[in-house]
Amino acid sequence: MAELKISAKKREKLGGSTANQLRNQGRVPGIIYGHGEASVPFHVKELDLRPLIYTNETNTVSLDLEGTAMRCILREVQFHPVTDRVSHIDFVAIRAGEKIRIDVPINLVGSPIGVKDGGVMDFSLHKVSIEVLPDSIPEHIDLDISELKIGHSLHVSDVPAHAGYTIVADPHAVIVTIAAPKTAEETAPAAEAVITEPEQIKAKGKKEEEEGAAPEKK
């Protein structure tokens, strides 16, 4: 597991207007939560967060807060609803020898038999919650799907046990499924409806025109 080093500065002033000023300067406001200690507001460069946010791996962070190093993990990221830029970030301080709960990405390994037979893979659960010591956090958890056939699924309970961590997610949650491909009969009705609907509208319009026409004079 990699540890990223990020420099931060304390936020002396709080509030929406101050936070917006920071964002306009290319910085992201955030908070680091400790263990029974007061939370610390800070701000960091938006660009420095990219290796932490836009990755499929789990990382710890060494946050350099004006000369004080604080080891932490990512808790939550908020994005702007329009621009999709990072608008706020939360960290949680961690201590060596103290277990934490963290979501770790699932890495699918192998090519399923069901896909080779024409099935469609539905990867629905991309992360799983584990309880682990900070120094034992895996970057990801591998899950072999090569024997998965059409109609079969793998659940959290199918994730191999590991001595370094304990899985605390719902064991019944579905991670990946190989669905059967749609048949011609399943797709035909939708196509037929698209074709026949204009004809029905046309016929209805013709009937209304005939009924509304004035009788022919003799």
Protein backbone atom coordinates (compact mmCIF):
# COMPACT_ATOMS: atom_id res chain seq x y z
CA MET A 1 0.00 0.00 0.00
CA ALA A 2 1.33 3.42 -0.97
CA GLU A 3 1.35 6.49 1.25
CA LEU A 4 0.86 9.87 -0.40
CA LYS A 5 2.38 13.06 0.99
CA ILE A 6 0.15 16.13 0.79
CA SER A 7 0.90 19.62 2.11
CA ALA A 8 -1.93 21.53 3.78
CA LYS A 9 -2.58 24.81 5.54
CA LYS A 10 -4.89 25.46 8.48
CA ARG A 11 -8.09 27.36 7.87
CA GLU A 12 -8.32 30.27 10.28
CA LYS A 13 -11.64 31.52 8.89
CA LEU A 14 -14.62 29.26 8.24
CA GLY A 15 -17.84 29.80 6.32
CA GLY A 16 -19.19 29.49 2.81
CA SER A 17 -17.71 32.70 1.42
CA THR A 18 -14.21 31.83 2.65
CA ALA A 19 -14.51 28.31 1.24
CA ASN A 20 -15.56 29.70 -2.16
CA GLN A 21 -12.58 32.06 -2.17
CA LEU A 22 -10.28 29.10 -1.59
CA ARG A 23 -11.90 27.15 -4.43
CA ASN A 24 -11.45 30.10 -6.77
CA GLN A 25 -7.75 29.99 -5.89
CA GLY A 26 -7.50 26.32 -6.86
CA ARG A 27 -7.59 25.03 -3.30
CA VAL A 28 -9.99 22.63 -1.58
CA PRO A 29 -11.29 23.12 1.97
CA GLY A 30 -11.35 20.09 4.23
CA ILE A 31 -11.42 18.73 7.76
CA ILE A 32 -9.34 16.08 9.49
CA TYR A 33 -11.09 14.21 12.30
CA GLY A 34 -9.03 12.81 15.18
CA HIS A 35 -9.58 10.28 17.97
CA GLY A 36 -11.44 12.15 20.68
CA GLU A 37 -9.64 15.31 19.65
CA ALA A 38 -10.90 18.51 18.06
CA SER A 39 -11.24 18.39 14.28
CA VAL A 40 -8.83 20.54 12.29
CA PRO A 41 -10.04 22.57 9.28
CA PHE A 42 -7.48 22.89 6.48
CA HIS A 43 -7.13 23.54 2.76
CA VAL A 44 -4.98 21.87 0.10
CA LYS A 45 -4.15 22.31 -3.57
CA GLU A 46 -6.80 20.73 -5.74
CA LEU A 47 -4.15 19.24 -8.04
CA ASP A 48 -2.44 17.49 -5.10
CA LEU A 49 -5.60 15.45 -4.48
CA ARG A 50 -5.77 13.82 -7.91
CA PRO A 51 -3.47 10.84 -7.12
CA LEU A 52 -5.60 10.13 -4.05
CA ILE A 53 -9.06 10.49 -5.56
CA TYR A 54 -8.71 9.35 -9.16
CA THR A 55 -7.32 5.87 -8.52
CA ASN A 56 -8.52 2.31 -8.10
CA GLU A 57 -6.12 1.69 -5.24
CA THR A 58 -6.31 2.39 -1.50
CA ASN A 59 -3.74 4.82 -0.10
CA THR A 60 -2.94 6.34 3.26
CA VAL A 61 -1.99 10.01 3.48
CA SER A 62 0.79 11.78 5.31
CA LEU A 63 -0.73 15.24 5.69
CA ASP A 64 1.89 17.90 6.33
CA LEU A 65 -0.12 20.48 8.24
CA GLU A 66 2.27 23.43 8.47
CA GLY A 67 5.14 21.28 9.69
CA THR A 68 3.09 18.75 11.67
CA ALA A 69 2.77 15.36 9.98
CA MET A 70 -0.59 13.67 10.45
CA ARG A 71 -1.21 10.18 9.11
CA CYS A 72 -4.76 9.73 7.87
CA ILE A 73 -7.11 8.08 5.40
CA LEU A 74 -9.73 9.50 3.10
CA ARG A 75 -13.19 9.64 4.66
CA GLU A 76 -15.34 11.52 2.14
CA VAL A 77 -15.04 13.59 -1.03
CA GLN A 78 -17.65 16.05 -2.26
CA PHE A 79 -17.88 17.19 -5.87
CA HIS A 80 -19.49 20.25 -7.42
CA PRO A 81 -22.79 19.15 -9.03
CA VAL A 82 -22.12 21.07 -12.26
CA THR A 83 -18.34 21.24 -12.79
CA ASP A 84 -17.58 17.91 -11.04
CA ARG A 85 -14.56 19.52 -9.40
CA VAL A 86 -13.62 18.56 -5.83
CA SER A 87 -15.40 20.97 -3.49
CA HIS A 88 -14.63 19.49 -0.05
CA ILE A 89 -12.63 16.63 1.47
CA ASP A 90 -12.58 14.88 4.83
CA PHE A 91 -9.78 12.84 6.40
CA VAL A 92 -9.66 10.63 9.51
CA ALA A 93 -6.46 10.45 11.56
CA ILE A 94 -5.08 6.95 12.14
CA ARG A 95 -2.71 5.49 14.69
CA ALA A 96 -0.32 2.56 14.40
CA GLY A 97 -1.63 -0.52 16.18
CA GLU A 98 -5.25 0.66 16.11
CA LYS A 99 -7.64 -1.08 13.72
CA ILE A 100 -9.82 0.98 11.41
CA ARG A 101 -12.70 0.33 9.01
CA ILE A 102 -12.08 1.24 5.41
CA ASP A 103 -13.57 0.51 1.97
CA VAL A 104 -11.12 -1.28 -0.32
CA PRO A 105 -11.55 -1.71 -4.11
CA ILE A 106 -12.31 -5.16 -5.52
CA ASN A 107 -10.11 -6.24 -8.43
CA LEU A 108 -11.70 -8.84 -10.71
CA VAL A 109 -9.22 -11.43 -11.97
CA GLY A 110 -9.69 -13.70 -14.97
CA SER A 111 -12.11 -13.99 -17.88
CA PRO A 112 -15.43 -15.65 -16.90
CA ILE A 113 -16.58 -18.78 -18.71
CA GLY A 114 -20.04 -17.24 -18.91
CA VAL A 115 -18.79 -14.21 -20.84
CA LYS A 116 -17.00 -16.48 -23.31
CA ASP A 117 -20.35 -18.27 -23.77
CA GLY A 118 -22.09 -14.99 -24.62
CA GLY A 119 -23.17 -13.83 -21.16
CA VAL A 120 -22.99 -10.24 -19.90
CA MET A 121 -21.03 -9.36 -16.77
CA ASP A 122 -22.61 -7.03 -14.21
CA PHE A 123 -20.00 -5.72 -11.75
CA SER A 124 -22.26 -4.13 -9.13
CA LEU A 125 -20.15 -3.87 -5.95
CA HIS A 126 -16.77 -2.22 -6.54
CA LYS A 127 -15.63 -1.86 -2.92
CA VAL A 128 -15.89 -3.91 0.25
CA SER A 129 -15.57 -2.78 3.89
CA ILE A 130 -12.81 -4.34 5.98
CA GLU A 131 -11.38 -3.94 9.49
CA VAL A 132 -7.62 -3.72 9.41
CA LEU A 133 -4.49 -2.26 10.99
CA PRO A 134 -3.22 0.85 9.14
CA ASP A 135 0.01 -0.82 8.06
CA SER A 136 -1.87 -3.83 6.65
CA ILE A 137 -4.37 -2.01 4.42
CA PRO A 138 -4.35 -3.71 0.99
CA GLU A 139 -4.37 -1.57 -2.15
CA HIS A 140 -7.15 -3.80 -3.46
CA ILE A 141 -8.68 -7.26 -2.97
CA ASP A 142 -8.41 -9.76 -5.82
CA LEU A 143 -11.45 -11.88 -6.70
CA ASP A 144 -11.10 -14.71 -9.23
CA ILE A 145 -14.10 -14.79 -11.59
CA SER A 146 -12.71 -17.13 -14.26
CA GLU A 147 -15.04 -20.04 -13.31
CA LEU A 148 -18.19 -17.92 -13.24
CA LYS A 149 -20.88 -19.25 -15.61
CA ILE A 150 -24.06 -17.72 -17.03
CA GLY A 151 -26.63 -17.22 -14.29
CA HIS A 152 -24.06 -17.44 -11.51
CA SER A 153 -22.95 -14.73 -9.05
CA LEU A 154 -20.24 -14.08 -6.51
CA HIS A 155 -21.10 -12.53 -3.16
CA VAL A 156 -19.09 -10.86 -0.41
CA SER A 157 -19.03 -14.23 1.34
CA ASP A 158 -17.06 -15.59 -1.65
CA VAL A 159 -14.14 -13.21 -1.07
CA PRO A 160 -11.19 -15.30 0.14
CA ALA A 161 -10.36 -14.94 3.84
CA HIS A 162 -7.12 -13.14 4.66
CA ALA A 163 -5.08 -13.10 7.84
CA GLY A 164 -4.33 -9.39 7.51
CA TYR A 165 -7.91 -8.09 7.67
CA THR A 166 -11.52 -8.96 8.47
CA ILE A 167 -14.36 -8.35 6.03
CA VAL A 168 -17.24 -6.55 7.75
CA ALA A 169 -19.53 -5.99 4.76
CA ASP A 170 -22.87 -7.77 4.25
CA PRO A 171 -21.90 -11.35 3.25
CA HIS A 172 -25.04 -11.64 1.06
CA ALA A 173 -24.25 -8.57 -1.05
CA VAL A 174 -23.73 -9.43 -4.73
CA ILE A 175 -20.40 -8.38 -6.20
CA VAL A 176 -20.61 -9.65 -9.76
CA THR A 177 -23.14 -11.56 -11.87
CA ILE A 178 -23.02 -13.15 -15.31
CA ALA A 179 -26.40 -12.52 -16.89
CA ALA A 180 -27.79 -14.42 -19.86
CA PRO A 181 -27.82 -12.50 -23.16
CA LYS A 182 -31.16 -11.23 -24.38
CA THR A 183 -32.85 -13.46 -26.94
CA ALA A 184 -34.42 -12.36 -30.21
CA GLU A 185 -37.89 -12.92 -28.70
CA GLU A 186 -37.09 -10.51 -25.83
CA THR A 187 -36.00 -7.71 -28.13
CA ALA A 188 -38.62 -8.23 -30.89
CA PRO A 189 -41.69 -6.71 -29.12
CA ALA A 190 -39.96 -3.39 -28.55
CA ALA A 191 -38.90 -3.20 -32.18
CA GLU A 192 -42.37 -4.18 -33.38
CA ALA A 193 -43.98 -1.49 -31.24
CA VAL A 194 -41.80 1.15 -32.80
CA ILE A 195 -42.80 0.03 -36.28
CA THR A 196 -46.52 -0.46 -35.78
CA GLU A 197 -47.25 2.62 -33.67
CA PRO A 198 -47.01 5.13 -36.58
CA GLU A 199 -49.32 2.89 -38.64
CA GLN A 200 -51.90 2.89 -35.83
CA ILE A 201 -51.73 6.66 -35.52
CA LYS A 202 -52.07 7.04 -39.26
CA ALA A 203 -55.08 4.70 -39.38
CA LYS A 204 -56.73 6.50 -36.45
CA GLY A 205 -56.26 9.87 -38.14
CA LYS A 206 -57.76 8.59 -41.38
CA LYS A 207 -60.80 7.22 -39.54
CA GLU A 208 -61.39 10.52 -37.71
CA GLU A 209 -61.08 12.39 -40.99
CA GLU A 210 -63.69 10.17 -42.63
CA GLU A 211 -66.10 10.50 -39.67
CA GLY A 212 -65.72 14.27 -39.52
CA ALA A 213 -66.18 14.87 -43.24
CA ALA A 214 -69.37 16.60 -44.38
CA PRO A 215 -71.91 14.36 -46.19
CA GLU A 216 -71.76 14.54 -49.98
CA LYS A 217 -74.53 16.59 -51.58
CA LYS A 218 -76.70 14.81 -54.12
